[in-house]
Amino acid sequence: MAKAESELGWKDLEIGSIVAEPGSAAQYKTGDWKTQRPVLDESKCNKCGLCYIFCPEGCIKQKADGYYEIDLSYCKGCGICAMECPKDAITMVAEEE
């Protein structure tokens, strides 16, 4: 199968496959391959922010009302937020295809 002219080949990669532009990963939705996703129950949440602090992907943001929302486009489904939540307000559920 011939590659399209716009596709890059392995010879086009930076040496060592380094990230040439800081923050360039933000343009890619990286949460598509997760097998579990976090679900937040706001009735249990005390707005402590531990989920936000411990999220390694930075995909949890605080809303204007003080509660948090999870951007599933970038969430990898690691479950750290659920493990760190002192109120068990976050549960991990199987991702549906």
N, C-alpha and C. Protein backbone atom coordinates (compact mmCIF):
# COMPACT_ATOMS: atom_id res chain seq x y z
N MET A 1 0.85 -1.17 0.00
CA MET A 1 0.00 0.00 0.00
C MET A 1 0.90 1.23 0.00
N ALA A 2 0.71 2.11 -0.93
CA ALA A 2 1.51 3.33 -1.04
C ALA A 2 1.00 4.37 -0.05
N LYS A 3 1.94 5.11 0.57
CA LYS A 3 1.52 6.13 1.51
C LYS A 3 1.19 7.43 0.78
N ALA A 4 0.27 8.18 1.34
CA ALA A 4 -0.10 9.47 0.77
C ALA A 4 1.06 10.44 0.94
N GLU A 5 1.17 11.42 0.07
CA GLU A 5 2.27 12.38 0.15
C GLU A 5 2.28 13.15 1.45
N SER A 6 1.12 13.35 2.08
CA SER A 6 1.05 14.13 3.32
C SER A 6 1.46 13.32 4.54
N GLU A 7 1.55 11.99 4.43
CA GLU A 7 1.95 11.16 5.56
C GLU A 7 3.45 11.21 5.77
N LEU A 8 3.86 11.23 7.03
CA LEU A 8 5.27 11.22 7.36
C LEU A 8 5.74 9.79 7.53
N GLY A 9 6.94 9.52 7.12
CA GLY A 9 7.54 8.21 7.31
C GLY A 9 8.51 8.23 8.46
N TRP A 10 9.13 7.12 8.76
CA TRP A 10 10.04 7.05 9.90
C TRP A 10 11.26 7.93 9.70
N LYS A 11 11.64 8.20 8.48
CA LYS A 11 12.79 9.07 8.21
C LYS A 11 12.48 10.54 8.50
N ASP A 12 11.21 10.86 8.63
CA ASP A 12 10.81 12.24 8.89
C ASP A 12 10.78 12.58 10.38
N LEU A 13 10.92 11.58 11.24
CA LEU A 13 10.87 11.82 12.68
C LEU A 13 12.12 12.54 13.16
N GLU A 14 11.96 13.33 14.24
CA GLU A 14 13.10 13.97 14.89
C GLU A 14 14.01 12.88 15.44
N ILE A 15 15.29 13.14 15.52
CA ILE A 15 16.24 12.18 16.08
C ILE A 15 15.82 11.86 17.52
N GLY A 16 15.72 10.59 17.85
CA GLY A 16 15.29 10.17 19.18
C GLY A 16 13.80 10.31 19.41
N SER A 17 13.06 10.67 18.37
CA SER A 17 11.61 10.88 18.46
C SER A 17 11.25 11.84 19.58
N ILE A 18 12.01 12.91 19.70
CA ILE A 18 11.76 13.90 20.74
C ILE A 18 10.52 14.72 20.41
N VAL A 19 9.95 15.33 21.43
CA VAL A 19 8.84 16.24 21.22
C VAL A 19 9.44 17.57 20.80
N ALA A 20 9.21 17.96 19.58
CA ALA A 20 9.83 19.17 19.04
C ALA A 20 9.12 20.44 19.48
N GLU A 21 7.83 20.34 19.80
CA GLU A 21 7.06 21.50 20.22
C GLU A 21 6.48 21.25 21.60
N PRO A 22 6.79 22.09 22.60
CA PRO A 22 6.21 21.91 23.94
C PRO A 22 4.69 21.98 23.87
N GLY A 23 4.04 21.11 24.60
CA GLY A 23 2.58 21.11 24.65
C GLY A 23 1.88 20.56 23.43
N SER A 24 2.62 19.97 22.51
CA SER A 24 2.01 19.50 21.28
C SER A 24 1.09 18.30 21.50
N ALA A 25 1.24 17.59 22.62
CA ALA A 25 0.38 16.44 22.88
C ALA A 25 -1.06 16.85 23.16
N ALA A 26 -1.28 18.10 23.55
CA ALA A 26 -2.62 18.57 23.85
C ALA A 26 -3.53 18.56 22.63
N GLN A 27 -2.96 18.55 21.45
CA GLN A 27 -3.78 18.56 20.25
C GLN A 27 -4.33 17.18 19.90
N TYR A 28 -3.89 16.15 20.61
CA TYR A 28 -4.34 14.79 20.34
C TYR A 28 -5.24 14.29 21.46
N LYS A 29 -6.37 13.75 21.13
CA LYS A 29 -7.27 13.16 22.12
C LYS A 29 -6.69 11.80 22.49
N THR A 30 -6.23 11.67 23.73
CA THR A 30 -5.48 10.47 24.13
C THR A 30 -6.29 9.51 25.00
N GLY A 31 -7.56 9.78 25.22
CA GLY A 31 -8.34 8.93 26.09
C GLY A 31 -9.14 7.86 25.40
N ASP A 32 -8.96 7.69 24.11
CA ASP A 32 -9.77 6.75 23.34
C ASP A 32 -9.52 5.29 23.67
N TRP A 33 -8.38 4.95 24.24
CA TRP A 33 -8.04 3.55 24.42
C TRP A 33 -8.29 3.04 25.84
N LYS A 34 -8.86 3.86 26.71
CA LYS A 34 -9.09 3.41 28.10
C LYS A 34 -10.13 2.31 28.16
N THR A 35 -10.00 1.43 29.13
CA THR A 35 -10.97 0.34 29.33
C THR A 35 -11.95 0.66 30.45
N GLN A 36 -11.58 1.62 31.31
CA GLN A 36 -12.47 2.07 32.37
C GLN A 36 -12.47 3.59 32.39
N ARG A 37 -13.59 4.15 32.85
CA ARG A 37 -13.68 5.60 32.96
C ARG A 37 -14.21 5.98 34.33
N PRO A 38 -13.77 7.13 34.85
CA PRO A 38 -14.26 7.57 36.15
C PRO A 38 -15.62 8.25 36.02
N VAL A 39 -16.46 8.00 37.01
CA VAL A 39 -17.77 8.65 37.09
C VAL A 39 -17.83 9.34 38.45
N LEU A 40 -18.11 10.63 38.44
CA LEU A 40 -18.15 11.43 39.66
C LEU A 40 -19.58 11.59 40.15
N ASP A 41 -19.82 11.27 41.42
CA ASP A 41 -21.11 11.45 42.06
C ASP A 41 -21.01 12.72 42.91
N GLU A 42 -21.54 13.83 42.40
CA GLU A 42 -21.43 15.12 43.09
C GLU A 42 -22.11 15.12 44.44
N SER A 43 -23.08 14.23 44.67
CA SER A 43 -23.75 14.20 45.97
C SER A 43 -22.83 13.69 47.08
N LYS A 44 -21.76 12.98 46.72
CA LYS A 44 -20.78 12.50 47.69
C LYS A 44 -19.54 13.40 47.77
N CYS A 45 -19.33 14.22 46.76
CA CYS A 45 -18.12 15.04 46.65
C CYS A 45 -18.10 16.16 47.68
N ASN A 46 -16.95 16.34 48.35
CA ASN A 46 -16.81 17.45 49.30
C ASN A 46 -15.94 18.57 48.75
N LYS A 47 -15.64 18.51 47.44
CA LYS A 47 -14.88 19.54 46.72
C LYS A 47 -13.46 19.71 47.26
N CYS A 48 -12.86 18.63 47.74
CA CYS A 48 -11.51 18.71 48.34
C CYS A 48 -10.42 18.92 47.29
N GLY A 49 -10.64 18.47 46.05
CA GLY A 49 -9.68 18.67 44.99
C GLY A 49 -8.58 17.64 44.90
N LEU A 50 -8.65 16.58 45.70
CA LEU A 50 -7.60 15.56 45.63
C LEU A 50 -7.56 14.88 44.26
N CYS A 51 -8.71 14.71 43.65
CA CYS A 51 -8.75 14.11 42.31
C CYS A 51 -7.98 14.99 41.33
N TYR A 52 -8.17 16.28 41.44
CA TYR A 52 -7.48 17.25 40.59
C TYR A 52 -5.98 17.21 40.82
N ILE A 53 -5.58 17.16 42.08
CA ILE A 53 -4.16 17.18 42.44
C ILE A 53 -3.44 15.92 41.96
N PHE A 54 -4.07 14.76 42.13
CA PHE A 54 -3.41 13.49 41.83
C PHE A 54 -3.53 13.03 40.39
N CYS A 55 -4.40 13.63 39.60
CA CYS A 55 -4.57 13.20 38.21
C CYS A 55 -3.26 13.41 37.43
N PRO A 56 -2.63 12.34 36.94
CA PRO A 56 -1.36 12.50 36.24
C PRO A 56 -1.51 13.11 34.85
N GLU A 57 -2.72 13.15 34.33
CA GLU A 57 -2.94 13.68 32.98
C GLU A 57 -3.47 15.11 32.99
N GLY A 58 -3.83 15.62 34.15
CA GLY A 58 -4.36 16.98 34.22
C GLY A 58 -5.69 17.14 33.51
N CYS A 59 -6.49 16.08 33.50
CA CYS A 59 -7.76 16.16 32.77
C CYS A 59 -8.95 16.42 33.70
N ILE A 60 -8.68 16.74 34.96
CA ILE A 60 -9.75 17.08 35.90
C ILE A 60 -9.67 18.57 36.17
N LYS A 61 -10.77 19.26 35.97
CA LYS A 61 -10.82 20.72 36.14
C LYS A 61 -11.94 21.08 37.10
N GLN A 62 -11.74 22.18 37.83
CA GLN A 62 -12.78 22.66 38.74
C GLN A 62 -13.77 23.54 37.99
N LYS A 63 -15.04 23.30 38.25
CA LYS A 63 -16.10 24.10 37.63
C LYS A 63 -16.39 25.32 38.51
N ALA A 64 -17.19 26.22 38.02
CA ALA A 64 -17.53 27.45 38.74
C ALA A 64 -18.22 27.17 40.08
N ASP A 65 -18.96 26.07 40.17
CA ASP A 65 -19.67 25.74 41.41
C ASP A 65 -18.79 25.02 42.44
N GLY A 66 -17.51 24.80 42.11
CA GLY A 66 -16.59 24.17 43.04
C GLY A 66 -16.43 22.67 42.85
N TYR A 67 -17.36 22.06 42.13
CA TYR A 67 -17.23 20.63 41.83
C TYR A 67 -16.24 20.45 40.68
N TYR A 68 -15.90 19.22 40.43
CA TYR A 68 -14.90 18.92 39.40
C TYR A 68 -15.54 18.16 38.25
N GLU A 69 -14.94 18.31 37.08
CA GLU A 69 -15.37 17.55 35.91
C GLU A 69 -14.15 16.90 35.28
N ILE A 70 -14.37 15.76 34.67
CA ILE A 70 -13.30 14.97 34.09
C ILE A 70 -13.43 15.01 32.58
N ASP A 71 -12.37 15.44 31.91
CA ASP A 71 -12.37 15.48 30.45
C ASP A 71 -11.98 14.08 29.94
N LEU A 72 -12.97 13.33 29.55
CA LEU A 72 -12.76 11.95 29.12
C LEU A 72 -12.00 11.84 27.80
N SER A 73 -11.84 12.94 27.10
CA SER A 73 -11.07 12.93 25.86
C SER A 73 -9.58 12.69 26.13
N TYR A 74 -9.14 13.02 27.35
CA TYR A 74 -7.73 12.87 27.70
C TYR A 74 -7.50 11.87 28.83
N CYS A 75 -8.55 11.49 29.54
CA CYS A 75 -8.43 10.54 30.66
C CYS A 75 -7.99 9.18 30.15
N LYS A 76 -6.99 8.59 30.81
CA LYS A 76 -6.47 7.28 30.42
C LYS A 76 -7.13 6.14 31.19
N GLY A 77 -7.98 6.48 32.17
CA GLY A 77 -8.67 5.44 32.93
C GLY A 77 -7.80 4.76 33.97
N CYS A 78 -6.80 5.46 34.49
CA CYS A 78 -5.86 4.84 35.44
C CYS A 78 -6.49 4.57 36.80
N GLY A 79 -7.51 5.34 37.19
CA GLY A 79 -8.20 5.12 38.46
C GLY A 79 -7.56 5.78 39.66
N ILE A 80 -6.51 6.56 39.47
CA ILE A 80 -5.87 7.22 40.60
C ILE A 80 -6.84 8.18 41.29
N CYS A 81 -7.64 8.89 40.53
CA CYS A 81 -8.61 9.82 41.12
C CYS A 81 -9.57 9.08 42.05
N ALA A 82 -10.05 7.92 41.62
CA ALA A 82 -10.97 7.13 42.43
C ALA A 82 -10.30 6.59 43.69
N MET A 83 -9.04 6.19 43.57
CA MET A 83 -8.31 5.67 44.73
C MET A 83 -8.04 6.77 45.76
N GLU A 84 -7.81 8.00 45.31
CA GLU A 84 -7.46 9.09 46.21
C GLU A 84 -8.67 9.80 46.80
N CYS A 85 -9.84 9.61 46.25
CA CYS A 85 -11.04 10.30 46.73
C CYS A 85 -11.43 9.81 48.12
N PRO A 86 -11.39 10.69 49.14
CA PRO A 86 -11.71 10.26 50.51
C PRO A 86 -13.19 9.97 50.73
N LYS A 87 -14.05 10.42 49.84
CA LYS A 87 -15.50 10.24 49.99
C LYS A 87 -16.06 9.18 49.06
N ASP A 88 -15.21 8.47 48.33
CA ASP A 88 -15.66 7.48 47.35
C ASP A 88 -16.68 8.06 46.38
N ALA A 89 -16.44 9.31 45.99
CA ALA A 89 -17.34 9.99 45.06
C ALA A 89 -17.04 9.64 43.60
N ILE A 90 -15.89 9.01 43.37
CA ILE A 90 -15.52 8.63 42.01
C ILE A 90 -15.43 7.11 41.94
N THR A 91 -16.15 6.55 40.99
CA THR A 91 -16.08 5.11 40.76
C THR A 91 -15.63 4.87 39.33
N MET A 92 -14.92 3.77 39.14
CA MET A 92 -14.47 3.40 37.81
C MET A 92 -15.46 2.40 37.23
N VAL A 93 -15.94 2.67 36.02
CA VAL A 93 -16.88 1.79 35.35
C VAL A 93 -16.27 1.36 34.02
N ALA A 94 -16.70 0.21 33.55
CA ALA A 94 -16.19 -0.30 32.27
C ALA A 94 -16.59 0.63 31.15
N GLU A 95 -15.64 0.90 30.29
CA GLU A 95 -15.90 1.76 29.13
C GLU A 95 -16.72 0.97 28.12
N GLU A 96 -17.74 1.61 27.57
CA GLU A 96 -18.59 0.97 26.57
C GLU A 96 -18.05 1.29 25.20
N GLU A 97 -18.12 0.33 24.31
CA GLU A 97 -17.62 0.55 22.94
C GLU A 97 -18.68 1.11 22.07
